[in-house]
Amino acid sequence: MDLREDEPGPREIGRRTYVVAAVEPLDVDGVRSVQVGTIAFFVAFLALLPFYGRLQDDGRGWWLWTCLTGTGLGLLGLEYCKRRRRAREDRAEEA
């Protein structure tokens, strides 16, 4: 039986045999993952904000700024993922 690389079935690699299942790949564009991460960073920022003075006294003021930076980078990443999703949809429509 001659299998192509993209077809499911057993694969022998070295002395081991692996079975490749016939599973369709997930259509993941990353938008939801980035949204959840950005929201988590923002919630952490809001939760730490009342403790800013104490964090500064303990030398952990960077925790607050890390959360704020994560929120900002998450917003940039969200825009990137949304643009990538739109480009993929446009490409699919053209095909």
PDB file of N, CA and C in Angstrom:
ATOM      1  N   MET A   1       0.847  -1.171   0.000  1.00  0.00           N
ATOM      2  CA  MET A   1       0.000   0.000   0.000  1.00  0.00           C
ATOM      3  C   MET A   1       0.892   1.232   0.000  1.00  0.00           C
ATOM      4  N   ASP A   2       0.696   2.086  -0.949  1.00  0.00           N
ATOM      5  CA  ASP A   2       1.520   3.276  -1.093  1.00  0.00           C
ATOM      6  C   ASP A   2       0.752   4.483  -0.571  1.00  0.00           C
ATOM      7  N   LEU A   3       1.196   5.044   0.555  1.00  0.00           N
ATOM      8  CA  LEU A   3       0.526   6.188   1.159  1.00  0.00           C
ATOM      9  C   LEU A   3       1.287   7.469   0.847  1.00  0.00           C
ATOM     10  N   ARG A   4       0.546   8.499   0.560  1.00  0.00           N
ATOM     11  CA  ARG A   4       1.174   9.818   0.431  1.00  0.00           C
ATOM     12  C   ARG A   4       1.375  10.394   1.810  1.00  0.00           C
ATOM     13  N   GLU A   5       2.203  11.398   1.919  1.00  0.00           N
ATOM     14  CA  GLU A   5       2.512  12.009   3.213  1.00  0.00           C
ATOM     15  C   GLU A   5       1.302  12.634   3.885  1.00  0.00           C
ATOM     16  N   ASP A   6       0.354  13.146   3.102  1.00  0.00           N
ATOM     17  CA  ASP A   6      -0.784  13.831   3.706  1.00  0.00           C
ATOM     18  C   ASP A   6      -1.959  12.895   3.997  1.00  0.00           C
ATOM     19  N   GLU A   7      -1.826  11.607   3.732  1.00  0.00           N
ATOM     20  CA  GLU A   7      -2.887  10.652   4.022  1.00  0.00           C
ATOM     21  C   GLU A   7      -2.662  10.002   5.384  1.00  0.00           C
ATOM     22  N   PRO A   8      -3.756   9.702   6.095  1.00  0.00           N
ATOM     23  CA  PRO A   8      -3.606   9.042   7.398  1.00  0.00           C
ATOM     24  C   PRO A   8      -3.170   7.587   7.233  1.00  0.00           C
ATOM     25  N   GLY A   9      -2.640   7.046   8.307  1.00  0.00           N
ATOM     26  CA  GLY A   9      -2.224   5.652   8.293  1.00  0.00           C
ATOM     27  C   GLY A   9      -0.969   5.466   9.127  1.00  0.00           C
ATOM     28  N   PRO A  10      -0.461   4.241   9.179  1.00  0.00           N
ATOM     29  CA  PRO A  10       0.740   3.988   9.983  1.00  0.00           C
ATOM     30  C   PRO A  10       1.993   4.561   9.332  1.00  0.00           C
ATOM     31  N   ARG A  11       2.879   5.050  10.160  1.00  0.00           N
ATOM     32  CA  ARG A  11       4.172   5.584   9.704  1.00  0.00           C
ATOM     33  C   ARG A  11       5.270   4.903  10.504  1.00  0.00           C
ATOM     34  N   GLU A  12       6.280   4.458   9.849  1.00  0.00           N
ATOM     35  CA  GLU A  12       7.413   3.852  10.538  1.00  0.00           C
ATOM     36  C   GLU A  12       8.558   4.855  10.570  1.00  0.00           C
ATOM     37  N   ILE A  13       8.981   5.175  11.774  1.00  0.00           N
ATOM     38  CA  ILE A  13      10.103   6.081  11.977  1.00  0.00           C
ATOM     39  C   ILE A  13      11.083   5.347  12.872  1.00  0.00           C
ATOM     40  N   GLY A  14      12.190   4.966  12.301  1.00  0.00           N
ATOM     41  CA  GLY A  14      13.152   4.169  13.050  1.00  0.00           C
ATOM     42  C   GLY A  14      12.557   2.815  13.355  1.00  0.00           C
ATOM     43  N   ARG A  15      12.600   2.423  14.600  1.00  0.00           N
ATOM     44  CA  ARG A  15      12.063   1.130  15.018  1.00  0.00           C
ATOM     45  C   ARG A  15      10.631   1.224  15.523  1.00  0.00           C
ATOM     46  N   ARG A  16      10.062   2.391  15.471  1.00  0.00           N
ATOM     47  CA  ARG A  16       8.717   2.591  16.000  1.00  0.00           C
ATOM     48  C   ARG A  16       7.720   2.808  14.868  1.00  0.00           C
ATOM     49  N   THR A  17       6.483   2.411  15.124  1.00  0.00           N
ATOM     50  CA  THR A  17       5.397   2.627  14.171  1.00  0.00           C
ATOM     51  C   THR A  17       4.372   3.549  14.825  1.00  0.00           C
ATOM     52  N   TYR A  18       4.039   4.623  14.140  1.00  0.00           N
ATOM     53  CA  TYR A  18       3.067   5.594  14.627  1.00  0.00           C
ATOM     54  C   TYR A  18       1.837   5.550  13.730  1.00  0.00           C
ATOM     55  N   VAL A  19       0.672   5.726  14.326  1.00  0.00           N
ATOM     56  CA  VAL A  19      -0.565   5.766  13.569  1.00  0.00           C
ATOM     57  C   VAL A  19      -1.003   7.220  13.473  1.00  0.00           C
ATOM     58  N   VAL A  20      -1.225   7.682  12.253  1.00  0.00           N
ATOM     59  CA  VAL A  20      -1.670   9.048  12.018  1.00  0.00           C
ATOM     60  C   VAL A  20      -3.170   9.005  11.779  1.00  0.00           C
ATOM     61  N   ALA A  21      -3.921   9.700  12.613  1.00  0.00           N
ATOM     62  CA  ALA A  21      -5.378   9.697  12.521  1.00  0.00           C
ATOM     63  C   ALA A  21      -5.861  10.641  11.428  1.00  0.00           C
ATOM     64  N   ALA A  22      -7.005  10.321  10.891  1.00  0.00           N
ATOM     65  CA  ALA A  22      -7.620  11.159   9.855  1.00  0.00           C
ATOM     66  C   ALA A  22      -8.436  12.257  10.532  1.00  0.00           C
ATOM     67  N   VAL A  23      -7.771  13.300  10.967  1.00  0.00           N
ATOM     68  CA  VAL A  23      -8.416  14.404  11.680  1.00  0.00           C
ATOM     69  C   VAL A  23      -8.179  15.684  10.890  1.00  0.00           C
ATOM     70  N   GLU A  24      -9.253  16.408  10.688  1.00  0.00           N
ATOM     71  CA  GLU A  24      -9.129  17.695  10.001  1.00  0.00           C
ATOM     72  C   GLU A  24      -8.435  18.694  10.924  1.00  0.00           C
ATOM     73  N   PRO A  25      -7.562  19.529  10.407  1.00  0.00           N
ATOM     74  CA  PRO A  25      -6.916  20.530  11.262  1.00  0.00           C
ATOM     75  C   PRO A  25      -7.915  21.584  11.716  1.00  0.00           C
ATOM     76  N   LEU A  26      -7.676  22.120  12.899  1.00  0.00           N
ATOM     77  CA  LEU A  26      -8.529  23.182  13.410  1.00  0.00           C
ATOM     78  C   LEU A  26      -8.276  24.465  12.639  1.00  0.00           C
ATOM     79  N   ASP A  27      -9.306  25.205  12.408  1.00  0.00           N
ATOM     80  CA  ASP A  27      -9.159  26.501  11.747  1.00  0.00           C
ATOM     81  C   ASP A  27      -9.025  27.561  12.838  1.00  0.00           C
ATOM     82  N   VAL A  28      -7.833  27.704  13.332  1.00  0.00           N
ATOM     83  CA  VAL A  28      -7.571  28.621  14.438  1.00  0.00           C
ATOM     84  C   VAL A  28      -6.852  29.840  13.895  1.00  0.00           C
ATOM     85  N   ASP A  29      -7.417  31.002  14.157  1.00  0.00           N
ATOM     86  CA  ASP A  29      -6.773  32.223  13.700  1.00  0.00           C
ATOM     87  C   ASP A  29      -6.140  33.004  14.842  1.00  0.00           C
ATOM     88  N   GLY A  30      -6.322  32.568  16.073  1.00  0.00           N
ATOM     89  CA  GLY A  30      -5.665  33.183  17.210  1.00  0.00           C
ATOM     90  C   GLY A  30      -6.390  34.355  17.825  1.00  0.00           C
ATOM     91  N   VAL A  31      -7.479  34.791  17.249  1.00  0.00           N
ATOM     92  CA  VAL A  31      -8.168  35.982  17.759  1.00  0.00           C
ATOM     93  C   VAL A  31      -8.681  35.747  19.176  1.00  0.00           C
ATOM     94  N   ARG A  32      -9.354  34.630  19.385  1.00  0.00           N
ATOM     95  CA  ARG A  32      -9.926  34.375  20.710  1.00  0.00           C
ATOM     96  C   ARG A  32      -8.830  34.207  21.759  1.00  0.00           C
ATOM     97  N   SER A  33      -7.753  33.516  21.412  1.00  0.00           N
ATOM     98  CA  SER A  33      -6.650  33.317  22.364  1.00  0.00           C
ATOM     99  C   SER A  33      -6.038  34.648  22.786  1.00  0.00           C
ATOM    100  N   VAL A  34      -5.836  35.527  21.820  1.00  0.00           N
ATOM    101  CA  VAL A  34      -5.252  36.833  22.131  1.00  0.00           C
ATOM    102  C   VAL A  34      -6.231  37.676  22.938  1.00  0.00           C
ATOM    103  N   GLN A  35      -7.514  37.580  22.640  1.00  0.00           N
ATOM    104  CA  GLN A  35      -8.521  38.318  23.410  1.00  0.00           C
ATOM    105  C   GLN A  35      -8.503  37.891  24.874  1.00  0.00           C
ATOM    106  N   VAL A  36      -8.475  36.591  25.119  1.00  0.00           N
ATOM    107  CA  VAL A  36      -8.483  36.086  26.488  1.00  0.00           C
ATOM    108  C   VAL A  36      -7.228  36.528  27.226  1.00  0.00           C
ATOM    109  N   GLY A  37      -6.079  36.431  26.583  1.00  0.00           N
ATOM    110  CA  GLY A  37      -4.834  36.851  27.222  1.00  0.00           C
ATOM    111  C   GLY A  37      -4.802  38.333  27.527  1.00  0.00           C
ATOM    112  N   THR A  38      -5.291  39.137  26.606  1.00  0.00           N
ATOM    113  CA  THR A  38      -5.317  40.586  26.809  1.00  0.00           C
ATOM    114  C   THR A  38      -6.246  40.948  27.962  1.00  0.00           C
ATOM    115  N   ILE A  39      -7.400  40.317  28.008  1.00  0.00           N
ATOM    116  CA  ILE A  39      -8.343  40.578  29.101  1.00  0.00           C
ATOM    117  C   ILE A  39      -7.744  40.150  30.435  1.00  0.00           C
ATOM    118  N   ALA A  40      -7.049  39.018  30.447  1.00  0.00           N
ATOM    119  CA  ALA A  40      -6.430  38.538  31.690  1.00  0.00           C
ATOM    120  C   ALA A  40      -5.381  39.530  32.191  1.00  0.00           C
ATOM    121  N   PHE A  41      -4.555  40.064  31.295  1.00  0.00           N
ATOM    122  CA  PHE A  41      -3.563  41.052  31.698  1.00  0.00           C
ATOM    123  C   PHE A  41      -4.235  42.320  32.215  1.00  0.00           C
ATOM    124  N   PHE A  42      -5.321  42.755  31.573  1.00  0.00           N
ATOM    125  CA  PHE A  42      -6.006  43.965  32.001  1.00  0.00           C
ATOM    126  C   PHE A  42      -6.661  43.774  33.373  1.00  0.00           C
ATOM    127  N   VAL A  43      -7.263  42.615  33.597  1.00  0.00           N
ATOM    128  CA  VAL A  43      -7.881  42.330  34.895  1.00  0.00           C
ATOM    129  C   VAL A  43      -6.806  42.291  35.983  1.00  0.00           C
ATOM    130  N   ALA A  44      -5.651  41.699  35.664  1.00  0.00           N
ATOM    131  CA  ALA A  44      -4.551  41.664  36.634  1.00  0.00           C
ATOM    132  C   ALA A  44      -4.061  43.086  36.928  1.00  0.00           C
ATOM    133  N   PHE A  45      -3.995  43.936  35.905  1.00  0.00           N
ATOM    134  CA  PHE A  45      -3.597  45.334  36.105  1.00  0.00           C
ATOM    135  C   PHE A  45      -4.564  46.034  37.047  1.00  0.00           C
ATOM    136  N   LEU A  46      -5.872  45.853  36.799  1.00  0.00           N
ATOM    137  CA  LEU A  46      -6.868  46.485  37.657  1.00  0.00           C
ATOM    138  C   LEU A  46      -6.818  45.935  39.085  1.00  0.00           C
ATOM    139  N   ALA A  47      -6.535  44.648  39.224  1.00  0.00           N
ATOM    140  CA  ALA A  47      -6.464  44.042  40.549  1.00  0.00           C
ATOM    141  C   ALA A  47      -5.251  44.539  41.333  1.00  0.00           C
ATOM    142  N   LEU A  48      -4.153  44.824  40.642  1.00  0.00           N
ATOM    143  CA  LEU A  48      -2.933  45.288  41.315  1.00  0.00           C
ATOM    144  C   LEU A  48      -2.907  46.792  41.537  1.00  0.00           C
ATOM    145  N   LEU A  49      -3.714  47.527  40.820  1.00  0.00           N
ATOM    146  CA  LEU A  49      -3.684  48.987  40.898  1.00  0.00           C
ATOM    147  C   LEU A  49      -3.895  49.537  42.308  1.00  0.00           C
ATOM    148  N   PRO A  50      -4.822  49.009  43.101  1.00  0.00           N
ATOM    149  CA  PRO A  50      -4.987  49.543  44.464  1.00  0.00           C
ATOM    150  C   PRO A  50      -3.767  49.296  45.356  1.00  0.00           C
ATOM    151  N   PHE A  51      -2.926  48.352  44.993  1.00  0.00           N
ATOM    152  CA  PHE A  51      -1.767  47.993  45.809  1.00  0.00           C
ATOM    153  C   PHE A  51      -0.476  48.596  45.271  1.00  0.00           C
ATOM    154  N   TYR A  52      -0.578  49.643  44.463  1.00  0.00           N
ATOM    155  CA  TYR A  52       0.607  50.216  43.821  1.00  0.00           C
ATOM    156  C   TYR A  52       1.661  50.662  44.844  1.00  0.00           C
ATOM    157  N   GLY A  53       1.243  51.351  45.876  1.00  0.00           N
ATOM    158  CA  GLY A  53       2.200  51.823  46.880  1.00  0.00           C
ATOM    159  C   GLY A  53       2.911  50.684  47.585  1.00  0.00           C
ATOM    160  N   ARG A  54       2.160  49.681  47.943  1.00  0.00           N
ATOM    161  CA  ARG A  54       2.768  48.529  48.630  1.00  0.00           C
ATOM    162  C   ARG A  54       3.708  47.768  47.700  1.00  0.00           C
ATOM    163  N   LEU A  55       3.308  47.640  46.430  1.00  0.00           N
ATOM    164  CA  LEU A  55       4.185  46.970  45.459  1.00  0.00           C
ATOM    165  C   LEU A  55       5.497  47.741  45.300  1.00  0.00           C
ATOM    166  N   GLN A  56       5.405  49.065  45.240  1.00  0.00           N
ATOM    167  CA  GLN A  56       6.604  49.891  45.126  1.00  0.00           C
ATOM    168  C   GLN A  56       7.503  49.717  46.350  1.00  0.00           C
ATOM    169  N   ASP A  57       6.914  49.701  47.530  1.00  0.00           N
ATOM    170  CA  ASP A  57       7.694  49.539  48.757  1.00  0.00           C
ATOM    171  C   ASP A  57       8.407  48.194  48.808  1.00  0.00           C
ATOM    172  N   ASP A  58       7.790  47.160  48.274  1.00  0.00           N
ATOM    173  CA  ASP A  58       8.373  45.826  48.289  1.00  0.00           C
ATOM    174  C   ASP A  58       9.279  45.558  47.093  1.00  0.00           C
ATOM    175  N   GLY A  59       9.438  46.539  46.209  1.00  0.00           N
ATOM    176  CA  GLY A  59      10.289  46.362  45.031  1.00  0.00           C
ATOM    177  C   GLY A  59       9.639  45.538  43.932  1.00  0.00           C
ATOM    178  N   ARG A  60       8.321  45.502  43.940  1.00  0.00           N
ATOM    179  CA  ARG A  60       7.602  44.723  42.938  1.00  0.00           C
ATOM    180  C   ARG A  60       6.666  45.600  42.097  1.00  0.00           C
ATOM    181  N   GLY A  61       7.008  46.837  41.950  1.00  0.00           N
ATOM    182  CA  GLY A  61       6.200  47.746  41.145  1.00  0.00           C
ATOM    183  C   GLY A  61       6.170  47.348  39.688  1.00  0.00           C
ATOM    184  N   TRP A  62       7.170  46.575  39.288  1.00  0.00           N
ATOM    185  CA  TRP A  62       7.219  46.130  37.894  1.00  0.00           C
ATOM    186  C   TRP A  62       6.070  45.192  37.570  1.00  0.00           C
ATOM    187  N   TRP A  63       5.446  44.546  38.541  1.00  0.00           N
ATOM    188  CA  TRP A  63       4.300  43.675  38.273  1.00  0.00           C
ATOM    189  C   TRP A  63       3.180  44.451  37.595  1.00  0.00           C
ATOM    190  N   LEU A  64       2.917  45.640  38.109  1.00  0.00           N
ATOM    191  CA  LEU A  64       1.855  46.470  37.557  1.00  0.00           C
ATOM    192  C   LEU A  64       2.163  46.858  36.115  1.00  0.00           C
ATOM    193  N   TRP A  65       3.403  47.258  35.872  1.00  0.00           N
ATOM    194  CA  TRP A  65       3.786  47.695  34.527  1.00  0.00           C
ATOM    195  C   TRP A  65       3.872  46.527  33.554  1.00  0.00           C
ATOM    196  N   THR A  66       4.163  45.344  34.063  1.00  0.00           N
ATOM    197  CA  THR A  66       4.155  44.154  33.211  1.00  0.00           C
ATOM    198  C   THR A  66       2.735  43.872  32.729  1.00  0.00           C
ATOM    199  N   CYS A  67       1.764  44.011  33.619  1.00  0.00           N
ATOM    200  CA  CYS A  67       0.364  43.804  33.233  1.00  0.00           C
ATOM    201  C   CYS A  67      -0.084  44.842  32.209  1.00  0.00           C
ATOM    202  N   LEU A  68       0.321  46.081  32.412  1.00  0.00           N
ATOM    203  CA  LEU A  68      -0.043  47.139  31.467  1.00  0.00           C
ATOM    204  C   LEU A  68       0.615  46.903  30.108  1.00  0.00           C
ATOM    205  N   THR A  69       1.861  46.479  30.109  1.00  0.00           N
ATOM    206  CA  THR A  69       2.558  46.174  28.862  1.00  0.00           C
ATOM    207  C   THR A  69       1.910  44.984  28.157  1.00  0.00           C
ATOM    208  N   GLY A  70       1.539  43.959  28.916  1.00  0.00           N
ATOM    209  CA  GLY A  70       0.849  42.812  28.327  1.00  0.00           C
ATOM    210  C   GLY A  70      -0.466  43.203  27.693  1.00  0.00           C
ATOM    211  N   THR A  71      -1.174  44.130  28.318  1.00  0.00           N
ATOM    212  CA  THR A  71      -2.431  44.611  27.744  1.00  0.00           C
ATOM    213  C   THR A  71      -2.171  45.349  26.431  1.00  0.00           C
ATOM    214  N   GLY A  72      -1.194  46.228  26.434  1.00  0.00           N
ATOM    215  CA  GLY A  72      -0.880  46.979  25.215  1.00  0.00           C
ATOM    216  C   GLY A  72      -0.414  46.090  24.074  1.00  0.00           C
ATOM    217  N   LEU A  73       0.483  45.155  24.384  1.00  0.00           N
ATOM    218  CA  LEU A  73       0.948  44.236  23.344  1.00  0.00           C
ATOM    219  C   LEU A  73      -0.175  43.315  22.879  1.00  0.00           C
ATOM    220  N   GLY A  74      -1.070  42.964  23.800  1.00  0.00           N
ATOM    221  CA  GLY A  74      -2.216  42.150  23.423  1.00  0.00           C
ATOM    222  C   GLY A  74      -3.131  42.874  22.448  1.00  0.00           C
ATOM    223  N   LEU A  75      -3.315  44.171  22.649  1.00  0.00           N
ATOM    224  CA  LEU A  75      -4.143  44.944  21.720  1.00  0.00           C
ATOM    225  C   LEU A  75      -3.502  45.005  20.340  1.00  0.00           C
ATOM    226  N   LEU A  76      -2.185  45.152  20.298  1.00  0.00           N
ATOM    227  CA  LEU A  76      -1.486  45.125  19.009  1.00  0.00           C
ATOM    228  C   LEU A  76      -1.613  43.750  18.353  1.00  0.00           C
ATOM    229  N   GLY A  77      -1.438  42.709  19.148  1.00  0.00           N
ATOM    230  CA  GLY A  77      -1.568  41.355  18.626  1.00  0.00           C
ATOM    231  C   GLY A  77      -2.971  41.045  18.154  1.00  0.00           C
ATOM    232  N   LEU A  78      -3.957  41.590  18.836  1.00  0.00           N
ATOM    233  CA  LEU A  78      -5.345  41.388  18.436  1.00  0.00           C
ATOM    234  C   LEU A  78      -5.609  41.992  17.058  1.00  0.00           C
ATOM    235  N   GLU A  79      -5.097  43.188  16.847  1.00  0.00           N
ATOM    236  CA  GLU A  79      -5.263  43.826  15.540  1.00  0.00           C
ATOM    237  C   GLU A  79      -4.561  43.015  14.453  1.00  0.00           C
ATOM    238  N   TYR A  80      -3.376  42.508  14.757  1.00  0.00           N
ATOM    239  CA  TYR A  80      -2.641  41.684  13.793  1.00  0.00           C
ATOM    240  C   TYR A  80      -3.433  40.421  13.444  1.00  0.00           C
ATOM    241  N   CYS A  81      -3.959  39.738  14.450  1.00  0.00           N
ATOM    242  CA  CYS A  81      -4.712  38.504  14.215  1.00  0.00           C
ATOM    243  C   CYS A  81      -5.989  38.765  13.434  1.00  0.00           C
ATOM    244  N   LYS A  82      -6.648  39.875  13.718  1.00  0.00           N
ATOM    245  CA  LYS A  82      -7.866  40.203  12.973  1.00  0.00           C
ATOM    246  C   LYS A  82      -7.552  40.495  11.514  1.00  0.00           C
ATOM    247  N   ARG A  83      -6.458  41.208  11.249  1.00  0.00           N
ATOM    248  CA  ARG A  83      -6.062  41.475   9.862  1.00  0.00           C
ATOM    249  C   ARG A  83      -5.699  40.182   9.143  1.00  0.00           C
ATOM    250  N   ARG A  84      -5.007  39.291   9.847  1.00  0.00           N
ATOM    251  CA  ARG A  84      -4.627  38.014   9.245  1.00  0.00           C
ATOM    252  C   ARG A  84      -5.867  37.184   8.929  1.00  0.00           C
ATOM    253  N   ARG A  85      -6.863  37.201   9.828  1.00  0.00           N
ATOM    254  CA  ARG A  85      -8.097  36.462   9.587  1.00  0.00           C
ATOM    255  C   ARG A  85      -8.824  37.015   8.359  1.00  0.00           C
ATOM    256  N   ARG A  86      -8.890  38.366   8.256  1.00  0.00           N
ATOM    257  CA  ARG A  86      -9.540  38.977   7.094  1.00  0.00           C
ATOM    258  C   ARG A  86      -8.821  38.617   5.800  1.00  0.00           C
ATOM    259  N   ALA A  87      -7.498  38.616   5.838  1.00  0.00           N
ATOM    260  CA  ALA A  87      -6.722  38.272   4.641  1.00  0.00           C
ATOM    261  C   ALA A  87      -6.962  36.815   4.244  1.00  0.00           C
ATOM    262  N   ARG A  88      -7.044  35.925   5.222  1.00  0.00           N
ATOM    263  CA  ARG A  88      -7.316  34.514   4.920  1.00  0.00           C
ATOM    264  C   ARG A  88      -8.714  34.345   4.337  1.00  0.00           C
ATOM    265  N   GLU A  89      -9.679  35.075   4.875  1.00  0.00           N
ATOM    266  CA  GLU A  89     -11.050  34.984   4.340  1.00  0.00           C
ATOM    267  C   GLU A  89     -11.110  35.524   2.917  1.00  0.00           C
ATOM    268  N   ASP A  90     -10.403  36.624   2.648  1.00  0.00           N
ATOM    269  CA  ASP A  90     -10.381  37.174   1.294  1.00  0.00           C
ATOM    270  C   ASP A  90      -9.739  36.189   0.313  1.00  0.00           C
ATOM    271  N   ARG A  91      -8.655  35.552   0.737  1.00  0.00           N
ATOM    272  CA  ARG A  91      -7.984  34.569  -0.093  1.00  0.00           C
ATOM    273  C   ARG A  91      -8.894  33.371  -0.373  1.00  0.00           C
ATOM    274  N   ALA A  92      -9.660  32.956   0.631  1.00  0.00           N
ATOM    275  CA  ALA A  92     -10.572  31.829   0.455  1.00  0.00           C
ATOM    276  C   ALA A  92     -11.706  32.181  -0.501  1.00  0.00           C
ATOM    277  N   GLU A  93     -12.167  33.427  -0.458  1.00  0.00           N
ATOM    278  CA  GLU A  93     -13.229  33.864  -1.363  1.00  0.00           C
ATOM    279  C   GLU A  93     -12.742  33.915  -2.798  1.00  0.00           C
ATOM    280  N   GLU A  94     -11.504  34.314  -2.994  1.00  0.00           N
ATOM    281  CA  GLU A  94     -10.941  34.397  -4.339  1.00  0.00           C
ATOM    282  C   GLU A  94     -10.735  33.026  -4.972  1.00  0.00           C
ATOM    283  N   ALA A  95     -10.454  32.048  -4.122  1.00  0.00           N
ATOM    284  CA  ALA A  95     -10.165  30.696  -4.645  1.00  0.00           C
ATOM    285  C   ALA A  95     -11.420  29.949  -5.043  1.00  0.00           C
TER     286      ALA A  95
END
